[in-house]
Amino acid sequence: MDNTKALQNLKELVKYNLFLRLTDKNKVIMELFVDKFFNEEASKFTLQELKNIFNTADNSFKFFRNYTKSQNDAFWDSILHKKNQ
């Protein structure tokens, strides 16, 4: 499987996992957010690094349920900041 297909599969898995945990209102916001992340930031990571991020984050997805977009942005910014150090 090429990286593009693997990345698309990972993106869909992330969306699926998030959708199981989010209210209807937040699903739209999170879908846009996941799309933005994968379109703009995911290329900075290897597939394994992305899988590790989302495996770790999976335990924390419950807090997305009540988060605003700015809180979600702050969470991902903290992950990206660690990556760029």
PDB file of N, CA and C in Angstrom:
ATOM      1  N   MET A   1       0.847  -1.179   0.000  1.00  0.00           N
ATOM      2  CA  MET A   1       0.000   0.000   0.000  1.00  0.00           C
ATOM      3  C   MET A   1       0.892   1.242   0.000  1.00  0.00           C
ATOM      4  N   ASP A   2       0.579   2.190  -0.908  1.00  0.00           N
ATOM      5  CA  ASP A   2       1.410   3.394  -0.932  1.00  0.00           C
ATOM      6  C   ASP A   2       1.035   4.323   0.223  1.00  0.00           C
ATOM      7  N   ASN A   3       1.903   5.289   0.470  1.00  0.00           N
ATOM      8  CA  ASN A   3       1.701   6.193   1.609  1.00  0.00           C
ATOM      9  C   ASN A   3       0.418   7.005   1.496  1.00  0.00           C
ATOM     10  N   THR A   4       0.068   7.412   0.284  1.00  0.00           N
ATOM     11  CA  THR A   4      -1.143   8.211   0.107  1.00  0.00           C
ATOM     12  C   THR A   4      -2.374   7.428   0.535  1.00  0.00           C
ATOM     13  N   LYS A   5      -2.458   6.175   0.116  1.00  0.00           N
ATOM     14  CA  LYS A   5      -3.598   5.330   0.482  1.00  0.00           C
ATOM     15  C   LYS A   5      -3.583   5.036   1.984  1.00  0.00           C
ATOM     16  N   ALA A   6      -2.410   4.764   2.536  1.00  0.00           N
ATOM     17  CA  ALA A   6      -2.304   4.494   3.975  1.00  0.00           C
ATOM     18  C   ALA A   6      -2.721   5.721   4.776  1.00  0.00           C
ATOM     19  N   LEU A   7      -2.298   6.894   4.332  1.00  0.00           N
ATOM     20  CA  LEU A   7      -2.650   8.136   5.014  1.00  0.00           C
ATOM     21  C   LEU A   7      -4.159   8.375   4.941  1.00  0.00           C
ATOM     22  N   GLN A   8      -4.761   8.103   3.781  1.00  0.00           N
ATOM     23  CA  GLN A   8      -6.211   8.261   3.632  1.00  0.00           C
ATOM     24  C   GLN A   8      -6.944   7.297   4.562  1.00  0.00           C
ATOM     25  N   ASN A   9      -6.461   6.066   4.660  1.00  0.00           N
ATOM     26  CA  ASN A   9      -7.085   5.087   5.559  1.00  0.00           C
ATOM     27  C   ASN A   9      -6.987   5.530   7.014  1.00  0.00           C
ATOM     28  N   LEU A  10      -5.824   6.064   7.389  1.00  0.00           N
ATOM     29  CA  LEU A  10      -5.641   6.548   8.755  1.00  0.00           C
ATOM     30  C   LEU A  10      -6.578   7.718   9.029  1.00  0.00           C
ATOM     31  N   LYS A  11      -6.699   8.622   8.064  1.00  0.00           N
ATOM     32  CA  LYS A  11      -7.597   9.767   8.210  1.00  0.00           C
ATOM     33  C   LYS A  11      -9.034   9.292   8.438  1.00  0.00           C
ATOM     34  N   GLU A  12      -9.478   8.323   7.660  1.00  0.00           N
ATOM     35  CA  GLU A  12     -10.843   7.821   7.816  1.00  0.00           C
ATOM     36  C   GLU A  12     -11.032   7.134   9.165  1.00  0.00           C
ATOM     37  N   LEU A  13     -10.012   6.425   9.619  1.00  0.00           N
ATOM     38  CA  LEU A  13     -10.084   5.773  10.929  1.00  0.00           C
ATOM     39  C   LEU A  13     -10.199   6.811  12.046  1.00  0.00           C
ATOM     40  N   VAL A  14      -9.418   7.871  11.936  1.00  0.00           N
ATOM     41  CA  VAL A  14      -9.477   8.947  12.935  1.00  0.00           C
ATOM     42  C   VAL A  14     -10.872   9.562  12.957  1.00  0.00           C
ATOM     43  N   LYS A  15     -11.398   9.859  11.770  1.00  0.00           N
ATOM     44  CA  LYS A  15     -12.743  10.441  11.708  1.00  0.00           C
ATOM     45  C   LYS A  15     -13.772   9.494  12.328  1.00  0.00           C
ATOM     46  N   TYR A  16     -13.676   8.227  11.998  1.00  0.00           N
ATOM     47  CA  TYR A  16     -14.616   7.248  12.539  1.00  0.00           C
ATOM     48  C   TYR A  16     -14.551   7.210  14.072  1.00  0.00           C
ATOM     49  N   ASN A  17     -13.337   7.156  14.606  1.00  0.00           N
ATOM     50  CA  ASN A  17     -13.174   7.120  16.063  1.00  0.00           C
ATOM     51  C   ASN A  17     -13.700   8.386  16.717  1.00  0.00           C
ATOM     52  N   LEU A  18     -13.451   9.516  16.091  1.00  0.00           N
ATOM     53  CA  LEU A  18     -13.957  10.773  16.639  1.00  0.00           C
ATOM     54  C   LEU A  18     -15.475  10.818  16.594  1.00  0.00           C
ATOM     55  N   PHE A  19     -16.040  10.362  15.479  1.00  0.00           N
ATOM     56  CA  PHE A  19     -17.487  10.459  15.317  1.00  0.00           C
ATOM     57  C   PHE A  19     -18.218   9.612  16.342  1.00  0.00           C
ATOM     58  N   LEU A  20     -17.610   8.540  16.794  1.00  0.00           N
ATOM     59  CA  LEU A  20     -18.249   7.719  17.815  1.00  0.00           C
ATOM     60  C   LEU A  20     -18.375   8.469  19.135  1.00  0.00           C
ATOM     61  N   ARG A  21     -17.541   9.491  19.317  1.00  0.00           N
ATOM     62  CA  ARG A  21     -17.446  10.162  20.604  1.00  0.00           C
ATOM     63  C   ARG A  21     -17.997  11.588  20.619  1.00  0.00           C
ATOM     64  N   LEU A  22     -18.388  12.101  19.468  1.00  0.00           N
ATOM     65  CA  LEU A  22     -18.765  13.511  19.397  1.00  0.00           C
ATOM     66  C   LEU A  22     -20.269  13.709  19.261  1.00  0.00           C
ATOM     67  N   THR A  23     -20.724  14.856  19.728  1.00  0.00           N
ATOM     68  CA  THR A  23     -22.112  15.249  19.498  1.00  0.00           C
ATOM     69  C   THR A  23     -22.256  15.667  18.032  1.00  0.00           C
ATOM     70  N   ASP A  24     -23.473  15.726  17.546  1.00  0.00           N
ATOM     71  CA  ASP A  24     -23.698  16.087  16.140  1.00  0.00           C
ATOM     72  C   ASP A  24     -23.102  17.446  15.796  1.00  0.00           C
ATOM     73  N   LYS A  25     -23.271  18.410  16.700  1.00  0.00           N
ATOM     74  CA  LYS A  25     -22.760  19.763  16.451  1.00  0.00           C
ATOM     75  C   LYS A  25     -21.248  19.753  16.244  1.00  0.00           C
ATOM     76  N   ASN A  26     -20.552  18.983  17.067  1.00  0.00           N
ATOM     77  CA  ASN A  26     -19.096  18.978  16.996  1.00  0.00           C
ATOM     78  C   ASN A  26     -18.537  18.105  15.881  1.00  0.00           C
ATOM     79  N   LYS A  27     -19.344  17.206  15.337  1.00  0.00           N
ATOM     80  CA  LYS A  27     -18.862  16.336  14.256  1.00  0.00           C
ATOM     81  C   LYS A  27     -18.450  17.151  13.035  1.00  0.00           C
ATOM     82  N   VAL A  28     -19.214  18.168  12.716  1.00  0.00           N
ATOM     83  CA  VAL A  28     -18.907  18.998  11.548  1.00  0.00           C
ATOM     84  C   VAL A  28     -17.592  19.740  11.768  1.00  0.00           C
ATOM     85  N   ILE A  29     -17.435  20.316  12.951  1.00  0.00           N
ATOM     86  CA  ILE A  29     -16.202  21.037  13.275  1.00  0.00           C
ATOM     87  C   ILE A  29     -15.007  20.088  13.215  1.00  0.00           C
ATOM     88  N   MET A  30     -15.153  18.910  13.820  1.00  0.00           N
ATOM     89  CA  MET A  30     -14.021  17.992  13.871  1.00  0.00           C
ATOM     90  C   MET A  30     -13.677  17.434  12.497  1.00  0.00           C
ATOM     91  N   GLU A  31     -14.673  17.219  11.667  1.00  0.00           N
ATOM     92  CA  GLU A  31     -14.360  16.736  10.321  1.00  0.00           C
ATOM     93  C   GLU A  31     -13.519  17.758   9.575  1.00  0.00           C
ATOM     94  N   LEU A  32     -13.892  19.015   9.678  1.00  0.00           N
ATOM     95  CA  LEU A  32     -13.108  20.085   9.045  1.00  0.00           C
ATOM     96  C   LEU A  32     -11.704  20.140   9.643  1.00  0.00           C
ATOM     97  N   PHE A  33     -11.625  19.982  10.948  1.00  0.00           N
ATOM     98  CA  PHE A  33     -10.340  20.048  11.628  1.00  0.00           C
ATOM     99  C   PHE A  33      -9.426  18.897  11.209  1.00  0.00           C
ATOM    100  N   VAL A  34      -9.983  17.690  11.147  1.00  0.00           N
ATOM    101  CA  VAL A  34      -9.186  16.531  10.727  1.00  0.00           C
ATOM    102  C   VAL A  34      -8.725  16.711   9.281  1.00  0.00           C
ATOM    103  N   ASP A  35      -9.628  17.187   8.419  1.00  0.00           N
ATOM    104  CA  ASP A  35      -9.246  17.435   7.025  1.00  0.00           C
ATOM    105  C   ASP A  35      -8.104  18.445   6.955  1.00  0.00           C
ATOM    106  N   LYS A  36      -8.216  19.527   7.723  1.00  0.00           N
ATOM    107  CA  LYS A  36      -7.175  20.559   7.735  1.00  0.00           C
ATOM    108  C   LYS A  36      -5.841  19.977   8.211  1.00  0.00           C
ATOM    109  N   PHE A  37      -5.906  19.200   9.282  1.00  0.00           N
ATOM    110  CA  PHE A  37      -4.679  18.599   9.796  1.00  0.00           C
ATOM    111  C   PHE A  37      -4.015  17.714   8.740  1.00  0.00           C
ATOM    112  N   PHE A  38      -4.808  16.829   8.128  1.00  0.00           N
ATOM    113  CA  PHE A  38      -4.225  15.913   7.155  1.00  0.00           C
ATOM    114  C   PHE A  38      -3.762  16.634   5.893  1.00  0.00           C
ATOM    115  N   ASN A  39      -4.441  17.698   5.509  1.00  0.00           N
ATOM    116  CA  ASN A  39      -4.048  18.428   4.306  1.00  0.00           C
ATOM    117  C   ASN A  39      -2.815  19.292   4.521  1.00  0.00           C
ATOM    118  N   GLU A  40      -2.681  19.856   5.727  1.00  0.00           N
ATOM    119  CA  GLU A  40      -1.634  20.854   5.943  1.00  0.00           C
ATOM    120  C   GLU A  40      -0.477  20.391   6.826  1.00  0.00           C
ATOM    121  N   GLU A  41      -0.731  19.457   7.731  1.00  0.00           N
ATOM    122  CA  GLU A  41       0.290  19.116   8.718  1.00  0.00           C
ATOM    123  C   GLU A  41       0.806  17.681   8.619  1.00  0.00           C
ATOM    124  N   ALA A  42      -0.013  16.783   8.137  1.00  0.00           N
ATOM    125  CA  ALA A  42       0.335  15.362   8.199  1.00  0.00           C
ATOM    126  C   ALA A  42       1.616  15.029   7.436  1.00  0.00           C
ATOM    127  N   SER A  43       1.907  15.799   6.403  1.00  0.00           N
ATOM    128  CA  SER A  43       3.105  15.511   5.612  1.00  0.00           C
ATOM    129  C   SER A  43       4.394  15.715   6.407  1.00  0.00           C
ATOM    130  N   LYS A  44       4.318  16.391   7.553  1.00  0.00           N
ATOM    131  CA  LYS A  44       5.500  16.617   8.388  1.00  0.00           C
ATOM    132  C   LYS A  44       5.873  15.370   9.199  1.00  0.00           C
ATOM    133  N   PHE A  45       4.980  14.373   9.190  1.00  0.00           N
ATOM    134  CA  PHE A  45       5.165  13.184  10.008  1.00  0.00           C
ATOM    135  C   PHE A  45       5.310  11.948   9.130  1.00  0.00           C
ATOM    136  N   THR A  46       5.995  10.938   9.629  1.00  0.00           N
ATOM    137  CA  THR A  46       5.970   9.632   8.963  1.00  0.00           C
ATOM    138  C   THR A  46       4.638   8.971   9.315  1.00  0.00           C
ATOM    139  N   LEU A  47       4.269   7.956   8.557  1.00  0.00           N
ATOM    140  CA  LEU A  47       3.025   7.242   8.865  1.00  0.00           C
ATOM    141  C   LEU A  47       3.064   6.642  10.263  1.00  0.00           C
ATOM    142  N   GLN A  48       4.206   6.126  10.658  1.00  0.00           N
ATOM    143  CA  GLN A  48       4.308   5.530  11.992  1.00  0.00           C
ATOM    144  C   GLN A  48       4.133   6.587  13.075  1.00  0.00           C
ATOM    145  N   GLU A  49       4.719   7.759  12.863  1.00  0.00           N
ATOM    146  CA  GLU A  49       4.543   8.838  13.840  1.00  0.00           C
ATOM    147  C   GLU A  49       3.075   9.237  13.952  1.00  0.00           C
ATOM    148  N   LEU A  50       2.390   9.312  12.809  1.00  0.00           N
ATOM    149  CA  LEU A  50       0.965   9.646  12.841  1.00  0.00           C
ATOM    150  C   LEU A  50       0.168   8.588  13.587  1.00  0.00           C
ATOM    151  N   LYS A  51       0.470   7.340  13.314  1.00  0.00           N
ATOM    152  CA  LYS A  51      -0.239   6.260  14.007  1.00  0.00           C
ATOM    153  C   LYS A  51       0.009   6.342  15.506  1.00  0.00           C
ATOM    154  N   ASN A  52       1.245   6.635  15.896  1.00  0.00           N
ATOM    155  CA  ASN A  52       1.555   6.761  17.321  1.00  0.00           C
ATOM    156  C   ASN A  52       0.797   7.925  17.950  1.00  0.00           C
ATOM    157  N   ILE A  53       0.729   9.045  17.232  1.00  0.00           N
ATOM    158  CA  ILE A  53      -0.011  10.210  17.739  1.00  0.00           C
ATOM    159  C   ILE A  53      -1.468   9.833  17.959  1.00  0.00           C
ATOM    160  N   PHE A  54      -2.068   9.187  16.970  1.00  0.00           N
ATOM    161  CA  PHE A  54      -3.495   8.908  17.082  1.00  0.00           C
ATOM    162  C   PHE A  54      -3.788   7.759  18.035  1.00  0.00           C
ATOM    163  N   ASN A  55      -2.861   6.829  18.166  1.00  0.00           N
ATOM    164  CA  ASN A  55      -3.046   5.780  19.174  1.00  0.00           C
ATOM    165  C   ASN A  55      -3.008   6.385  20.571  1.00  0.00           C
ATOM    166  N   THR A  56      -2.087   7.316  20.779  1.00  0.00           N
ATOM    167  CA  THR A  56      -2.004   8.005  22.071  1.00  0.00           C
ATOM    168  C   THR A  56      -3.233   8.885  22.274  1.00  0.00           C
ATOM    169  N   ALA A  57      -3.586   9.620  21.230  1.00  0.00           N
ATOM    170  CA  ALA A  57      -4.723  10.540  21.333  1.00  0.00           C
ATOM    171  C   ALA A  57      -6.040   9.797  21.497  1.00  0.00           C
ATOM    172  N   ASP A  58      -6.104   8.554  21.032  1.00  0.00           N
ATOM    173  CA  ASP A  58      -7.355   7.798  21.118  1.00  0.00           C
ATOM    174  C   ASP A  58      -7.854   7.735  22.556  1.00  0.00           C
ATOM    175  N   ASN A  59      -6.938   7.630  23.495  1.00  0.00           N
ATOM    176  CA  ASN A  59      -7.326   7.603  24.902  1.00  0.00           C
ATOM    177  C   ASN A  59      -7.827   8.958  25.375  1.00  0.00           C
ATOM    178  N   SER A  60      -7.515   9.985  24.616  1.00  0.00           N
ATOM    179  CA  SER A  60      -7.886  11.335  25.023  1.00  0.00           C
ATOM    180  C   SER A  60      -9.027  11.912  24.186  1.00  0.00           C
ATOM    181  N   PHE A  61      -9.521  11.153  23.201  1.00  0.00           N
ATOM    182  CA  PHE A  61     -10.563  11.695  22.332  1.00  0.00           C
ATOM    183  C   PHE A  61     -11.809  12.096  23.108  1.00  0.00           C
ATOM    184  N   LYS A  62     -12.015  11.481  24.261  1.00  0.00           N
ATOM    185  CA  LYS A  62     -13.218  11.821  25.036  1.00  0.00           C
ATOM    186  C   LYS A  62     -13.282  13.305  25.350  1.00  0.00           C
ATOM    187  N   PHE A  63     -12.126  13.968  25.481  1.00  0.00           N
ATOM    188  CA  PHE A  63     -12.204  15.389  25.814  1.00  0.00           C
ATOM    189  C   PHE A  63     -12.540  16.263  24.625  1.00  0.00           C
ATOM    190  N   PHE A  64     -12.487  15.707  23.403  1.00  0.00           N
ATOM    191  CA  PHE A  64     -12.916  16.490  22.245  1.00  0.00           C
ATOM    192  C   PHE A  64     -14.426  16.759  22.284  1.00  0.00           C
ATOM    193  N   ARG A  65     -15.141  15.887  22.964  1.00  0.00           N
ATOM    194  CA  ARG A  65     -16.606  15.948  22.924  1.00  0.00           C
ATOM    195  C   ARG A  65     -17.128  17.340  23.275  1.00  0.00           C
ATOM    196  N   ASN A  66     -16.529  17.963  24.269  1.00  0.00           N
ATOM    197  CA  ASN A  66     -17.026  19.261  24.728  1.00  0.00           C
ATOM    198  C   ASN A  66     -16.071  20.412  24.422  1.00  0.00           C
ATOM    199  N   TYR A  67     -15.077  20.145  23.596  1.00  0.00           N
ATOM    200  CA  TYR A  67     -14.101  21.182  23.288  1.00  0.00           C
ATOM    201  C   TYR A  67     -14.588  22.106  22.179  1.00  0.00           C
ATOM    202  N   THR A  68     -14.175  23.348  22.260  1.00  0.00           N
ATOM    203  CA  THR A  68     -14.407  24.285  21.175  1.00  0.00           C
ATOM    204  C   THR A  68     -13.307  24.096  20.140  1.00  0.00           C
ATOM    205  N   LYS A  69     -13.461  24.713  18.980  1.00  0.00           N
ATOM    206  CA  LYS A  69     -12.431  24.594  17.948  1.00  0.00           C
ATOM    207  C   LYS A  69     -11.097  25.157  18.448  1.00  0.00           C
ATOM    208  N   SER A  70     -11.125  26.261  19.175  1.00  0.00           N
ATOM    209  CA  SER A  70      -9.859  26.841  19.649  1.00  0.00           C
ATOM    210  C   SER A  70      -9.164  25.914  20.646  1.00  0.00           C
ATOM    211  N   GLN A  71      -9.942  25.210  21.475  1.00  0.00           N
ATOM    212  CA  GLN A  71      -9.336  24.253  22.391  1.00  0.00           C
ATOM    213  C   GLN A  71      -8.735  23.073  21.624  1.00  0.00           C
ATOM    214  N   ASN A  72      -9.440  22.621  20.592  1.00  0.00           N
ATOM    215  CA  ASN A  72      -8.897  21.549  19.758  1.00  0.00           C
ATOM    216  C   ASN A  72      -7.622  22.012  19.052  1.00  0.00           C
ATOM    217  N   ASP A  73      -7.649  23.254  18.548  1.00  0.00           N
ATOM    218  CA  ASP A  73      -6.454  23.799  17.892  1.00  0.00           C
ATOM    219  C   ASP A  73      -5.276  23.814  18.860  1.00  0.00           C
ATOM    220  N   ALA A  74      -5.536  24.205  20.090  1.00  0.00           N
ATOM    221  CA  ALA A  74      -4.464  24.261  21.090  1.00  0.00           C
ATOM    222  C   ALA A  74      -3.896  22.870  21.357  1.00  0.00           C
ATOM    223  N   PHE A  75      -4.778  21.883  21.407  1.00  0.00           N
ATOM    224  CA  PHE A  75      -4.316  20.508  21.623  1.00  0.00           C
ATOM    225  C   PHE A  75      -3.388  20.063  20.491  1.00  0.00           C
ATOM    226  N   TRP A  76      -3.834  20.276  19.243  1.00  0.00           N
ATOM    227  CA  TRP A  76      -3.009  19.842  18.117  1.00  0.00           C
ATOM    228  C   TRP A  76      -1.749  20.690  18.001  1.00  0.00           C
ATOM    229  N   ASP A  77      -1.854  21.978  18.314  1.00  0.00           N
ATOM    230  CA  ASP A  77      -0.659  22.824  18.297  1.00  0.00           C
ATOM    231  C   ASP A  77       0.387  22.292  19.271  1.00  0.00           C
ATOM    232  N   SER A  78      -0.063  21.785  20.417  1.00  0.00           N
ATOM    233  CA  SER A  78       0.891  21.253  21.386  1.00  0.00           C
ATOM    234  C   SER A  78       1.583  20.006  20.833  1.00  0.00           C
ATOM    235  N   ILE A  79       0.850  19.182  20.104  1.00  0.00           N
ATOM    236  CA  ILE A  79       1.454  18.000  19.480  1.00  0.00           C
ATOM    237  C   ILE A  79       2.455  18.436  18.415  1.00  0.00           C
ATOM    238  N   LEU A  80       2.052  19.387  17.577  1.00  0.00           N
ATOM    239  CA  LEU A  80       2.930  19.844  16.499  1.00  0.00           C
ATOM    240  C   LEU A  80       4.160  20.545  17.057  1.00  0.00           C
ATOM    241  N   HIS A  81       3.985  21.289  18.138  1.00  0.00           N
ATOM    242  CA  HIS A  81       5.116  21.981  18.760  1.00  0.00           C
ATOM    243  C   HIS A  81       6.152  20.972  19.248  1.00  0.00           C
ATOM    244  N   LYS A  82       5.685  19.885  19.855  1.00  0.00           N
ATOM    245  CA  LYS A  82       6.607  18.847  20.323  1.00  0.00           C
ATOM    246  C   LYS A  82       7.356  18.236  19.146  1.00  0.00           C
ATOM    247  N   LYS A  83       6.652  18.053  18.027  1.00  0.00           N
ATOM    248  CA  LYS A  83       7.265  17.453  16.840  1.00  0.00           C
ATOM    249  C   LYS A  83       8.353  18.366  16.280  1.00  0.00           C
ATOM    250  N   ASN A  84       8.124  19.676  16.331  1.00  0.00           N
ATOM    251  CA  ASN A  84       9.044  20.622  15.703  1.00  0.00           C
ATOM    252  C   ASN A  84      10.226  20.996  16.587  1.00  0.00           C
ATOM    253  N   GLN A  85      10.260  20.507  17.812  1.00  0.00           N
ATOM    254  CA  GLN A  85      11.375  20.840  18.712  1.00  0.00           C
ATOM    255  C   GLN A  85      12.614  20.059  18.350  1.00  0.00           C
TER     256      GLN A  85
END
